[in-house]
Each structure stands twice: as C-alpha cells, then as structure tokens.
Amino acid sequence: FAAAQGVRARGGGEAPQLGESLLALLRKAAAQRRLLVDERLSAKHVLLALLEDARCGARLMREANLDRASLTAAITLLQAEHSRSKERGASSSGDRGAVSAPRAASPAGSEAP
C-alpha cells in the first residue's frame, strides 16, 4: 500500500507533501466546520468528512456501523456532557472537563481494546 502512494520526501530538508486524498478529506472537514458554524476545525469535522470519503473513510465508517445520524447523535451527546462538565468545573474545584467517549463498534473479527 505505502509503495503505491508515490514519492515521499527523504531528507535533504524537503517538506513532506500531503496526498490529494488527505487534502480532499481536510477540505471536506473544513466544509463541515463551516456548515456547523464552528470556530475551529476539530475531530468531529474529520469524522463527519470520513462518511463521504470515497477512498476508504466511508467503508471504515460503515464497518464501524456509523452513519451520519448515529455519529451526529454521539457528537451531540459528547458536547452536552462536555458543557455540563465545564459548568460543574466552574462551580467546584473537582474533576474539570473529564468526558468519557462512547466506543464505536469493533469491526467483525476484531477485539475492542
């Protein structure tokens, strides 16, 4: 797989190049950020962009049993938990910002960590 990816920078001070597929994914993630009117690009935007990634992202998301509705629901839940955690942190000196993320389903034939 790696050999088919083309020439990579090797020493000589050359900056590494991003492949077209990765650039396309990052553009889709930036479009998700704008669509959601978020200030910063984050993992949620990349995950949403992966749903539309023809190269391998869409297949991976299907194998993980994630579609737009389930991913959006999980993101919304995490954001709500994070907001509540921040509110609790502002009113107490206890645990600040700790949020446990739900685990995605493991692909068939593999074990969850």
Foldseek 3Di string as FASTA:
>chain_A
DVVVQDDFDDDPPDDTDDGPLVVVLVVQLVVQCVVVVHDDRDPLSSLQSLCVRPPPSVVVCVQLVHDPVVSVVQVVVQVVVQVVQCVVVVVDVPDHRDTDGDDTHDGPPDDDD
